[in-house]
Amino acid sequence: MARPREFDTDAALDGAIDVFSEHGFEGSSAQMLVDAMGIGRQSLYAAFGDKWQLYCAAVHRYGLDECTRHFGALRSDARGIDGIDAMLRRVVETADQPCLGVSSTYEFGASRPDLEKIKTLLGKSLREAIVARVHDGQREGDIAPSLDAQAAADFLIANIAGIRVAGRGGADPAALVSLVDMALRALR
């Protein structure tokens, strides 16, 4: 009979997210991971498989959490443009922190199908939520009706990545806010 897990899987994954976000896949050693996760190596391998499977699980958990936060911001106001504004400003608030989603793209691009599957699924749901808010903004007269909502969502997602990169690179918060303001002006 297998022994039950004696640790909180979600808390352990959060520790792995911190390590992978800061050091990437290649820069994260097994010892760094077990230290941050508060578990032994055997538990790591028994619960998550190998380092790559742990990385994919961490990217998935991180992505779900980020999407949930984006969705909450998008729905935080009745007007579509205000929800989009709230989402972008939330990104500015955390832009100095490492982003596992963006860093996984730097490190692997589209070279790993299993990782791409995770990011594509999460990206699709975020894109759909943004498209819906763009449509709301168009109906409300705040976003240009001539804009293609799909293209606008892609533009906003690219801006999120750009803000994260700039913030992580030490950009002044005021400069990041001006990027948000420019993105919102581009929608009008």
N, C-alpha and C. Protein backbone atom coordinates (compact mmCIF):
# COMPACT_ATOMS: atom_id res chain seq x y z
N MET A 1 0.83 -1.18 0.00
CA MET A 1 0.00 0.00 0.00
C MET A 1 0.88 1.25 0.00
N ALA A 2 0.56 2.20 -0.89
CA ALA A 2 1.34 3.42 -0.99
C ALA A 2 1.07 4.32 0.20
N ARG A 3 2.12 5.01 0.63
CA ARG A 3 1.98 5.97 1.73
C ARG A 3 1.28 7.22 1.22
N PRO A 4 0.39 7.79 2.02
CA PRO A 4 -0.26 9.05 1.60
C PRO A 4 0.76 10.19 1.60
N ARG A 5 0.50 11.17 0.75
CA ARG A 5 1.38 12.34 0.71
C ARG A 5 1.29 13.07 2.04
N GLU A 6 2.43 13.53 2.47
CA GLU A 6 2.49 14.24 3.75
C GLU A 6 2.83 15.70 3.53
N PHE A 7 2.44 16.26 2.39
CA PHE A 7 2.68 17.67 2.13
C PHE A 7 1.56 18.22 1.27
N ASP A 8 1.43 19.52 1.29
CA ASP A 8 0.41 20.22 0.52
C ASP A 8 0.95 20.40 -0.91
N THR A 9 0.34 19.71 -1.86
CA THR A 9 0.80 19.74 -3.25
C THR A 9 0.77 21.15 -3.81
N ASP A 10 -0.28 21.90 -3.53
CA ASP A 10 -0.37 23.27 -4.04
C ASP A 10 0.73 24.16 -3.48
N ALA A 11 0.98 24.04 -2.18
CA ALA A 11 2.05 24.84 -1.56
C ALA A 11 3.41 24.45 -2.14
N ALA A 12 3.61 23.15 -2.37
CA ALA A 12 4.86 22.70 -2.97
C ALA A 12 5.01 23.28 -4.38
N LEU A 13 3.94 23.24 -5.15
CA LEU A 13 3.99 23.82 -6.50
C LEU A 13 4.26 25.32 -6.46
N ASP A 14 3.71 26.01 -5.48
CA ASP A 14 4.00 27.44 -5.34
C ASP A 14 5.49 27.67 -5.11
N GLY A 15 6.12 26.82 -4.32
CA GLY A 15 7.57 26.92 -4.12
C GLY A 15 8.32 26.70 -5.42
N ALA A 16 7.88 25.71 -6.20
CA ALA A 16 8.52 25.44 -7.49
C ALA A 16 8.32 26.61 -8.45
N ILE A 17 7.14 27.22 -8.43
CA ILE A 17 6.87 28.39 -9.27
C ILE A 17 7.86 29.51 -8.96
N ASP A 18 8.10 29.75 -7.67
CA ASP A 18 9.05 30.79 -7.28
C ASP A 18 10.43 30.52 -7.85
N VAL A 19 10.88 29.30 -7.75
CA VAL A 19 12.22 28.95 -8.24
C VAL A 19 12.29 29.04 -9.76
N PHE A 20 11.34 28.41 -10.44
CA PHE A 20 11.35 28.43 -11.91
C PHE A 20 11.17 29.84 -12.45
N SER A 21 10.35 30.65 -11.79
CA SER A 21 10.14 32.03 -12.25
C SER A 21 11.43 32.83 -12.18
N GLU A 22 12.17 32.63 -11.13
CA GLU A 22 13.40 33.40 -10.92
C GLU A 22 14.59 32.86 -11.71
N HIS A 23 14.67 31.54 -11.86
CA HIS A 23 15.89 30.93 -12.43
C HIS A 23 15.67 30.19 -13.74
N GLY A 24 14.43 30.05 -14.17
CA GLY A 24 14.15 29.30 -15.39
C GLY A 24 14.29 27.81 -15.14
N PHE A 25 13.97 27.03 -16.16
CA PHE A 25 14.06 25.58 -16.03
C PHE A 25 15.52 25.14 -15.88
N GLU A 26 16.34 25.59 -16.80
CA GLU A 26 17.75 25.16 -16.79
C GLU A 26 18.50 25.64 -15.56
N GLY A 27 18.17 26.81 -15.07
CA GLY A 27 18.88 27.37 -13.92
C GLY A 27 18.40 26.88 -12.57
N SER A 28 17.38 26.05 -12.57
CA SER A 28 16.81 25.54 -11.32
C SER A 28 17.32 24.13 -11.05
N SER A 29 18.04 23.97 -9.97
CA SER A 29 18.52 22.64 -9.61
C SER A 29 17.49 21.89 -8.79
N ALA A 30 17.63 20.59 -8.75
CA ALA A 30 16.73 19.78 -7.93
C ALA A 30 16.81 20.20 -6.47
N GLN A 31 18.01 20.55 -6.00
CA GLN A 31 18.14 20.96 -4.60
C GLN A 31 17.42 22.29 -4.34
N MET A 32 17.52 23.22 -5.27
CA MET A 32 16.79 24.48 -5.12
C MET A 32 15.29 24.21 -5.03
N LEU A 33 14.83 23.30 -5.87
CA LEU A 33 13.40 22.99 -5.90
C LEU A 33 12.93 22.34 -4.61
N VAL A 34 13.63 21.30 -4.15
CA VAL A 34 13.17 20.63 -2.93
C VAL A 34 13.25 21.57 -1.73
N ASP A 35 14.26 22.44 -1.70
CA ASP A 35 14.36 23.41 -0.61
C ASP A 35 13.15 24.36 -0.62
N ALA A 36 12.82 24.88 -1.78
CA ALA A 36 11.71 25.83 -1.89
C ALA A 36 10.36 25.16 -1.69
N MET A 37 10.26 23.90 -2.08
CA MET A 37 9.00 23.17 -1.99
C MET A 37 8.78 22.57 -0.60
N GLY A 38 9.84 22.48 0.18
CA GLY A 38 9.73 21.92 1.52
C GLY A 38 9.48 20.42 1.53
N ILE A 39 9.99 19.73 0.51
CA ILE A 39 9.82 18.28 0.42
C ILE A 39 11.16 17.64 0.08
N GLY A 40 11.23 16.33 0.23
CA GLY A 40 12.43 15.59 -0.13
C GLY A 40 12.42 15.25 -1.62
N ARG A 41 13.57 14.88 -2.13
CA ARG A 41 13.68 14.52 -3.55
C ARG A 41 12.75 13.37 -3.92
N GLN A 42 12.69 12.38 -3.06
CA GLN A 42 11.84 11.23 -3.35
C GLN A 42 10.38 11.65 -3.48
N SER A 43 9.95 12.54 -2.61
CA SER A 43 8.58 13.04 -2.67
C SER A 43 8.35 13.84 -3.94
N LEU A 44 9.35 14.62 -4.33
CA LEU A 44 9.24 15.39 -5.57
C LEU A 44 8.99 14.47 -6.75
N TYR A 45 9.83 13.45 -6.87
CA TYR A 45 9.70 12.54 -8.01
C TYR A 45 8.44 11.69 -7.92
N ALA A 46 8.06 11.28 -6.71
CA ALA A 46 6.86 10.47 -6.56
C ALA A 46 5.60 11.27 -6.90
N ALA A 47 5.58 12.53 -6.51
CA ALA A 47 4.38 13.35 -6.72
C ALA A 47 4.31 13.98 -8.11
N PHE A 48 5.46 14.36 -8.66
CA PHE A 48 5.45 15.15 -9.88
C PHE A 48 6.17 14.49 -11.06
N GLY A 49 6.82 13.38 -10.84
CA GLY A 49 7.59 12.76 -11.91
C GLY A 49 8.97 13.39 -11.97
N ASP A 50 9.40 13.75 -13.15
CA ASP A 50 10.73 14.35 -13.28
C ASP A 50 10.65 15.88 -13.24
N LYS A 51 11.79 16.52 -13.38
CA LYS A 51 11.86 17.97 -13.31
C LYS A 51 11.00 18.62 -14.39
N TRP A 52 10.97 18.04 -15.60
CA TRP A 52 10.18 18.62 -16.67
C TRP A 52 8.68 18.56 -16.36
N GLN A 53 8.23 17.44 -15.82
CA GLN A 53 6.82 17.33 -15.46
C GLN A 53 6.46 18.32 -14.35
N LEU A 54 7.37 18.51 -13.41
CA LEU A 54 7.17 19.51 -12.36
C LEU A 54 7.08 20.90 -12.98
N TYR A 55 7.96 21.19 -13.93
CA TYR A 55 7.95 22.49 -14.59
C TYR A 55 6.61 22.72 -15.29
N CYS A 56 6.14 21.73 -16.02
CA CYS A 56 4.85 21.86 -16.71
C CYS A 56 3.71 22.06 -15.71
N ALA A 57 3.74 21.34 -14.61
CA ALA A 57 2.71 21.51 -13.58
C ALA A 57 2.78 22.92 -12.98
N ALA A 58 4.00 23.43 -12.80
CA ALA A 58 4.17 24.78 -12.25
C ALA A 58 3.66 25.83 -13.24
N VAL A 59 4.00 25.68 -14.51
CA VAL A 59 3.51 26.63 -15.52
C VAL A 59 1.98 26.59 -15.58
N HIS A 60 1.42 25.39 -15.53
CA HIS A 60 -0.04 25.27 -15.55
C HIS A 60 -0.68 25.96 -14.35
N ARG A 61 -0.18 25.68 -13.17
CA ARG A 61 -0.75 26.30 -11.95
C ARG A 61 -0.57 27.81 -12.00
N TYR A 62 0.60 28.27 -12.37
CA TYR A 62 0.86 29.71 -12.46
C TYR A 62 -0.09 30.36 -13.47
N GLY A 63 -0.23 29.73 -14.63
CA GLY A 63 -1.09 30.26 -15.68
C GLY A 63 -2.55 30.32 -15.26
N LEU A 64 -3.02 29.28 -14.58
CA LEU A 64 -4.40 29.30 -14.08
C LEU A 64 -4.62 30.45 -13.10
N ASP A 65 -3.66 30.64 -12.21
CA ASP A 65 -3.77 31.72 -11.23
C ASP A 65 -3.76 33.08 -11.93
N GLU A 66 -2.85 33.27 -12.87
CA GLU A 66 -2.80 34.55 -13.59
C GLU A 66 -4.08 34.79 -14.38
N CYS A 67 -4.57 33.77 -15.06
CA CYS A 67 -5.83 33.93 -15.80
C CYS A 67 -6.97 34.30 -14.86
N THR A 68 -7.05 33.65 -13.72
CA THR A 68 -8.09 33.97 -12.74
C THR A 68 -8.00 35.43 -12.32
N ARG A 69 -6.79 35.90 -12.10
CA ARG A 69 -6.60 37.31 -11.71
C ARG A 69 -6.97 38.25 -12.85
N HIS A 70 -6.57 37.89 -14.07
CA HIS A 70 -6.95 38.70 -15.24
C HIS A 70 -8.47 38.73 -15.39
N PHE A 71 -9.12 37.56 -15.27
CA PHE A 71 -10.57 37.51 -15.41
C PHE A 71 -11.25 38.38 -14.36
N GLY A 72 -10.76 38.32 -13.13
CA GLY A 72 -11.32 39.14 -12.07
C GLY A 72 -11.20 40.63 -12.38
N ALA A 73 -10.05 41.03 -12.88
CA ALA A 73 -9.86 42.44 -13.24
C ALA A 73 -10.75 42.83 -14.41
N LEU A 74 -10.82 41.96 -15.41
CA LEU A 74 -11.66 42.25 -16.58
C LEU A 74 -13.12 42.45 -16.19
N ARG A 75 -13.57 41.70 -15.19
CA ARG A 75 -14.98 41.77 -14.76
C ARG A 75 -15.20 42.75 -13.61
N SER A 76 -14.17 43.48 -13.22
CA SER A 76 -14.26 44.33 -12.04
C SER A 76 -15.09 45.58 -12.25
N ASP A 77 -15.43 45.89 -13.47
CA ASP A 77 -16.22 47.08 -13.76
C ASP A 77 -17.27 46.74 -14.80
N ALA A 78 -18.36 47.46 -14.75
CA ALA A 78 -19.45 47.19 -15.70
C ALA A 78 -19.05 47.51 -17.14
N ARG A 79 -18.23 48.52 -17.35
CA ARG A 79 -17.85 48.92 -18.71
C ARG A 79 -16.66 48.10 -19.17
N GLY A 80 -16.70 47.67 -20.42
CA GLY A 80 -15.63 46.86 -20.98
C GLY A 80 -14.27 47.52 -20.93
N ILE A 81 -14.19 48.79 -21.32
CA ILE A 81 -12.90 49.49 -21.34
C ILE A 81 -12.31 49.60 -19.94
N ASP A 82 -13.18 49.77 -18.94
CA ASP A 82 -12.69 49.89 -17.57
C ASP A 82 -12.16 48.54 -17.05
N GLY A 83 -12.78 47.44 -17.47
CA GLY A 83 -12.26 46.13 -17.11
C GLY A 83 -10.90 45.88 -17.74
N ILE A 84 -10.75 46.26 -18.99
CA ILE A 84 -9.46 46.13 -19.68
C ILE A 84 -8.41 46.99 -18.98
N ASP A 85 -8.79 48.21 -18.64
CA ASP A 85 -7.89 49.11 -17.91
C ASP A 85 -7.45 48.48 -16.59
N ALA A 86 -8.40 47.91 -15.86
CA ALA A 86 -8.08 47.29 -14.56
C ALA A 86 -7.11 46.12 -14.74
N MET A 87 -7.32 45.33 -15.80
CA MET A 87 -6.42 44.20 -16.05
C MET A 87 -4.99 44.70 -16.32
N LEU A 88 -4.87 45.70 -17.18
CA LEU A 88 -3.54 46.21 -17.52
C LEU A 88 -2.86 46.85 -16.32
N ARG A 89 -3.60 47.57 -15.52
CA ARG A 89 -3.01 48.21 -14.34
C ARG A 89 -2.62 47.18 -13.28
N ARG A 90 -3.33 46.07 -13.20
CA ARG A 90 -2.92 44.98 -12.31
C ARG A 90 -1.57 44.43 -12.74
N VAL A 91 -1.37 44.33 -14.04
CA VAL A 91 -0.08 43.85 -14.56
C VAL A 91 1.03 44.82 -14.16
N VAL A 92 0.77 46.12 -14.26
CA VAL A 92 1.76 47.12 -13.88
C VAL A 92 2.15 46.95 -12.42
N GLU A 93 1.17 46.70 -11.56
CA GLU A 93 1.43 46.56 -10.12
C GLU A 93 2.38 45.41 -9.80
N THR A 94 2.40 44.39 -10.64
CA THR A 94 3.24 43.21 -10.37
C THR A 94 4.37 43.04 -11.40
N ALA A 95 4.58 44.06 -12.22
CA ALA A 95 5.52 43.92 -13.34
C ALA A 95 6.97 43.73 -12.91
N ASP A 96 7.31 44.13 -11.70
CA ASP A 96 8.69 43.94 -11.25
C ASP A 96 8.96 42.52 -10.76
N GLN A 97 7.92 41.71 -10.66
CA GLN A 97 8.07 40.33 -10.20
C GLN A 97 8.25 39.41 -11.40
N PRO A 98 9.00 38.33 -11.23
CA PRO A 98 9.18 37.41 -12.36
C PRO A 98 7.87 36.75 -12.77
N CYS A 99 7.69 36.56 -14.06
CA CYS A 99 6.49 35.94 -14.61
C CYS A 99 6.87 34.62 -15.26
N LEU A 100 6.38 33.53 -14.72
CA LEU A 100 6.71 32.21 -15.25
C LEU A 100 6.18 32.03 -16.67
N GLY A 101 5.04 32.62 -16.97
CA GLY A 101 4.50 32.51 -18.33
C GLY A 101 5.43 33.13 -19.36
N VAL A 102 5.85 34.35 -19.11
CA VAL A 102 6.74 35.04 -20.04
C VAL A 102 8.10 34.36 -20.08
N SER A 103 8.63 34.01 -18.92
CA SER A 103 9.97 33.39 -18.90
C SER A 103 9.98 32.02 -19.58
N SER A 104 8.86 31.29 -19.51
CA SER A 104 8.83 30.00 -20.20
C SER A 104 8.87 30.21 -21.72
N THR A 105 8.30 31.31 -22.18
CA THR A 105 8.36 31.63 -23.60
C THR A 105 9.77 32.01 -24.01
N TYR A 106 10.45 32.80 -23.17
CA TYR A 106 11.85 33.15 -23.48
C TYR A 106 12.69 31.88 -23.59
N GLU A 107 12.53 31.01 -22.62
CA GLU A 107 13.40 29.85 -22.51
C GLU A 107 13.13 28.80 -23.58
N PHE A 108 11.87 28.58 -23.93
CA PHE A 108 11.56 27.47 -24.83
C PHE A 108 10.87 27.86 -26.13
N GLY A 109 10.41 29.10 -26.23
CA GLY A 109 9.68 29.48 -27.44
C GLY A 109 8.51 28.53 -27.64
N ALA A 110 8.42 27.97 -28.82
CA ALA A 110 7.36 27.00 -29.13
C ALA A 110 7.94 25.61 -29.35
N SER A 111 9.12 25.37 -28.78
CA SER A 111 9.85 24.12 -29.08
C SER A 111 9.37 22.89 -28.31
N ARG A 112 8.57 23.08 -27.27
CA ARG A 112 8.12 21.95 -26.45
C ARG A 112 6.61 21.79 -26.56
N PRO A 113 6.14 20.80 -27.32
CA PRO A 113 4.70 20.64 -27.55
C PRO A 113 3.87 20.53 -26.26
N ASP A 114 4.36 19.84 -25.26
CA ASP A 114 3.59 19.69 -24.03
C ASP A 114 3.43 21.03 -23.30
N LEU A 115 4.46 21.84 -23.33
CA LEU A 115 4.38 23.17 -22.74
C LEU A 115 3.49 24.08 -23.58
N GLU A 116 3.61 23.99 -24.88
CA GLU A 116 2.78 24.79 -25.78
C GLU A 116 1.30 24.47 -25.60
N LYS A 117 1.00 23.21 -25.37
CA LYS A 117 -0.40 22.81 -25.15
C LYS A 117 -0.98 23.53 -23.94
N ILE A 118 -0.21 23.58 -22.86
CA ILE A 118 -0.65 24.28 -21.64
C ILE A 118 -0.86 25.76 -21.93
N LYS A 119 0.14 26.38 -22.54
CA LYS A 119 0.07 27.82 -22.79
C LYS A 119 -1.02 28.17 -23.80
N THR A 120 -1.23 27.31 -24.78
CA THR A 120 -2.27 27.56 -25.78
C THR A 120 -3.65 27.50 -25.15
N LEU A 121 -3.88 26.52 -24.31
CA LEU A 121 -5.17 26.38 -23.64
C LEU A 121 -5.46 27.58 -22.75
N LEU A 122 -4.48 27.96 -21.94
CA LEU A 122 -4.67 29.11 -21.05
C LEU A 122 -4.80 30.40 -21.85
N GLY A 123 -3.96 30.54 -22.87
CA GLY A 123 -4.01 31.74 -23.70
C GLY A 123 -5.33 31.90 -24.42
N LYS A 124 -5.89 30.78 -24.83
CA LYS A 124 -7.19 30.81 -25.53
C LYS A 124 -8.28 31.36 -24.62
N SER A 125 -8.31 30.90 -23.38
CA SER A 125 -9.35 31.38 -22.47
C SER A 125 -9.17 32.86 -22.14
N LEU A 126 -7.93 33.30 -21.98
CA LEU A 126 -7.68 34.71 -21.72
C LEU A 126 -8.07 35.55 -22.93
N ARG A 127 -7.68 35.09 -24.08
CA ARG A 127 -8.00 35.82 -25.32
C ARG A 127 -9.52 35.96 -25.48
N GLU A 128 -10.25 34.88 -25.24
CA GLU A 128 -11.71 34.93 -25.35
C GLU A 128 -12.32 35.93 -24.36
N ALA A 129 -11.79 35.97 -23.15
CA ALA A 129 -12.30 36.91 -22.15
C ALA A 129 -12.02 38.35 -22.56
N ILE A 130 -10.85 38.60 -23.12
CA ILE A 130 -10.53 39.95 -23.57
C ILE A 130 -11.39 40.33 -24.78
N VAL A 131 -11.56 39.40 -25.72
CA VAL A 131 -12.41 39.66 -26.88
C VAL A 131 -13.82 40.05 -26.42
N ALA A 132 -14.35 39.35 -25.44
CA ALA A 132 -15.69 39.66 -24.93
C ALA A 132 -15.75 41.08 -24.37
N ARG A 133 -14.70 41.48 -23.64
CA ARG A 133 -14.70 42.84 -23.08
C ARG A 133 -14.49 43.89 -24.17
N VAL A 134 -13.73 43.56 -25.21
CA VAL A 134 -13.59 44.48 -26.34
C VAL A 134 -14.95 44.67 -27.00
N HIS A 135 -15.67 43.59 -27.23
CA HIS A 135 -17.02 43.69 -27.80
C HIS A 135 -17.92 44.55 -26.90
N ASP A 136 -17.83 44.35 -25.58
CA ASP A 136 -18.60 45.18 -24.65
C ASP A 136 -18.25 46.65 -24.86
N GLY A 137 -16.95 46.94 -24.91
CA GLY A 137 -16.50 48.31 -25.09
C GLY A 137 -16.96 48.91 -26.41
N GLN A 138 -17.02 48.08 -27.44
CA GLN A 138 -17.53 48.57 -28.73
C GLN A 138 -19.02 48.89 -28.64
N ARG A 139 -19.79 48.02 -28.02
CA ARG A 139 -21.23 48.27 -27.86
C ARG A 139 -21.48 49.52 -27.01
N GLU A 140 -20.61 49.75 -26.04
CA GLU A 140 -20.77 50.88 -25.12
C GLU A 140 -20.22 52.19 -25.70
N GLY A 141 -19.58 52.12 -26.87
CA GLY A 141 -19.06 53.31 -27.52
C GLY A 141 -17.69 53.76 -27.04
N ASP A 142 -16.99 52.93 -26.24
CA ASP A 142 -15.68 53.30 -25.71
C ASP A 142 -14.52 52.76 -26.55
N ILE A 143 -14.78 51.79 -27.37
CA ILE A 143 -13.76 51.17 -28.22
C ILE A 143 -14.25 51.29 -29.66
N ALA A 144 -13.31 51.63 -30.54
CA ALA A 144 -13.67 51.85 -31.95
C ALA A 144 -14.37 50.62 -32.52
N PRO A 145 -15.53 50.80 -33.11
CA PRO A 145 -16.26 49.67 -33.67
C PRO A 145 -15.55 49.04 -34.87
N SER A 146 -14.64 49.78 -35.49
CA SER A 146 -13.93 49.27 -36.66
C SER A 146 -12.79 48.32 -36.28
N LEU A 147 -12.42 48.29 -35.00
CA LEU A 147 -11.34 47.39 -34.57
C LEU A 147 -11.78 45.94 -34.62
N ASP A 148 -10.91 45.08 -35.09
CA ASP A 148 -11.14 43.65 -35.02
C ASP A 148 -10.88 43.22 -33.57
N ALA A 149 -11.88 42.68 -32.91
CA ALA A 149 -11.77 42.34 -31.50
C ALA A 149 -10.69 41.30 -31.24
N GLN A 150 -10.53 40.35 -32.16
CA GLN A 150 -9.49 39.32 -32.00
C GLN A 150 -8.10 39.96 -32.06
N ALA A 151 -7.91 40.85 -33.03
CA ALA A 151 -6.62 41.53 -33.17
C ALA A 151 -6.36 42.43 -31.96
N ALA A 152 -7.40 43.08 -31.46
CA ALA A 152 -7.25 43.92 -30.28
C ALA A 152 -6.83 43.09 -29.07
N ALA A 153 -7.42 41.90 -28.92
CA ALA A 153 -7.04 41.01 -27.82
C ALA A 153 -5.58 40.58 -27.94
N ASP A 154 -5.16 40.23 -29.16
CA ASP A 154 -3.76 39.86 -29.37
C ASP A 154 -2.83 41.02 -29.02
N PHE A 155 -3.22 42.23 -29.41
CA PHE A 155 -2.46 43.44 -29.11
C PHE A 155 -2.33 43.62 -27.59
N LEU A 156 -3.42 43.45 -26.87
CA LEU A 156 -3.40 43.63 -25.42
C LEU A 156 -2.56 42.56 -24.74
N ILE A 157 -2.64 41.33 -25.21
CA ILE A 157 -1.82 40.26 -24.63
C ILE A 157 -0.34 40.53 -24.87
N ALA A 158 -0.01 41.03 -26.06
CA ALA A 158 1.38 41.40 -26.34
C ALA A 158 1.82 42.54 -25.43
N ASN A 159 0.92 43.47 -25.16
CA ASN A 159 1.25 44.56 -24.24
C ASN A 159 1.48 44.06 -22.83
N ILE A 160 0.70 43.09 -22.40
CA ILE A 160 0.91 42.50 -21.07
C ILE A 160 2.33 41.94 -20.98
N ALA A 161 2.74 41.17 -21.99
CA ALA A 161 4.10 40.61 -21.99
C ALA A 161 5.14 41.71 -22.00
N GLY A 162 4.92 42.73 -22.81
CA GLY A 162 5.87 43.84 -22.88
C GLY A 162 5.99 44.59 -21.57
N ILE A 163 4.87 44.83 -20.91
CA ILE A 163 4.89 45.51 -19.61
C ILE A 163 5.64 44.67 -18.59
N ARG A 164 5.41 43.36 -18.62
CA ARG A 164 6.12 42.47 -17.67
C ARG A 164 7.63 42.50 -17.92
N VAL A 165 8.02 42.45 -19.18
CA VAL A 165 9.45 42.48 -19.50
C VAL A 165 10.06 43.81 -19.07
N ALA A 166 9.39 44.91 -19.42
CA ALA A 166 9.90 46.22 -19.05
C ALA A 166 9.97 46.38 -17.53
N GLY A 167 8.94 45.93 -16.83
CA GLY A 167 8.93 46.02 -15.38
C GLY A 167 10.02 45.20 -14.74
N ARG A 168 10.20 44.00 -15.23
CA ARG A 168 11.26 43.13 -14.69
C ARG A 168 12.63 43.72 -14.98
N GLY A 169 12.72 44.46 -16.08
CA GLY A 169 13.99 45.11 -16.44
C GLY A 169 14.24 46.40 -15.68
N GLY A 170 13.32 46.78 -14.81
CA GLY A 170 13.54 47.94 -13.96
C GLY A 170 12.89 49.22 -14.44
N ALA A 171 11.98 49.14 -15.38
CA ALA A 171 11.31 50.35 -15.87
C ALA A 171 10.58 51.05 -14.73
N ASP A 172 10.59 52.35 -14.81
CA ASP A 172 9.89 53.18 -13.84
C ASP A 172 8.39 52.88 -13.91
N PRO A 173 7.73 52.74 -12.76
CA PRO A 173 6.29 52.48 -12.78
C PRO A 173 5.50 53.50 -13.61
N ALA A 174 5.91 54.77 -13.59
CA ALA A 174 5.21 55.78 -14.38
C ALA A 174 5.32 55.47 -15.87
N ALA A 175 6.46 54.93 -16.30
CA ALA A 175 6.63 54.56 -17.71
C ALA A 175 5.71 53.39 -18.05
N LEU A 176 5.53 52.48 -17.13
CA LEU A 176 4.63 51.34 -17.36
C LEU A 176 3.18 51.81 -17.45
N VAL A 177 2.80 52.75 -16.61
CA VAL A 177 1.45 53.30 -16.66
C VAL A 177 1.24 54.01 -18.00
N SER A 178 2.27 54.67 -18.50
CA SER A 178 2.11 55.34 -19.80
C SER A 178 1.92 54.31 -20.92
N LEU A 179 2.51 53.13 -20.79
CA LEU A 179 2.27 52.07 -21.77
C LEU A 179 0.81 51.62 -21.73
N VAL A 180 0.26 51.52 -20.54
CA VAL A 180 -1.16 51.18 -20.40
C VAL A 180 -2.02 52.26 -21.06
N ASP A 181 -1.71 53.51 -20.77
CA ASP A 181 -2.48 54.61 -21.33
C ASP A 181 -2.43 54.59 -22.87
N MET A 182 -1.26 54.32 -23.42
CA MET A 182 -1.12 54.26 -24.88
C MET A 182 -1.91 53.10 -25.46
N ALA A 183 -1.88 51.95 -24.78
CA ALA A 183 -2.64 50.79 -25.26
C ALA A 183 -4.13 51.09 -25.26
N LEU A 184 -4.60 51.77 -24.22
CA LEU A 184 -6.03 52.09 -24.15
C LEU A 184 -6.41 53.11 -25.22
N ARG A 185 -5.53 54.08 -25.48
CA ARG A 185 -5.80 55.06 -26.54
C ARG A 185 -5.87 54.38 -27.90
N ALA A 186 -5.07 53.35 -28.08
CA ALA A 186 -5.08 52.64 -29.37
C ALA A 186 -6.41 51.92 -29.64
N LEU A 187 -7.16 51.66 -28.58
CA LEU A 187 -8.45 50.99 -28.74
C LEU A 187 -9.59 51.95 -29.10
N ARG A 188 -9.36 53.23 -28.93
CA ARG A 188 -10.45 54.20 -29.10
C ARG A 188 -10.69 54.59 -30.52
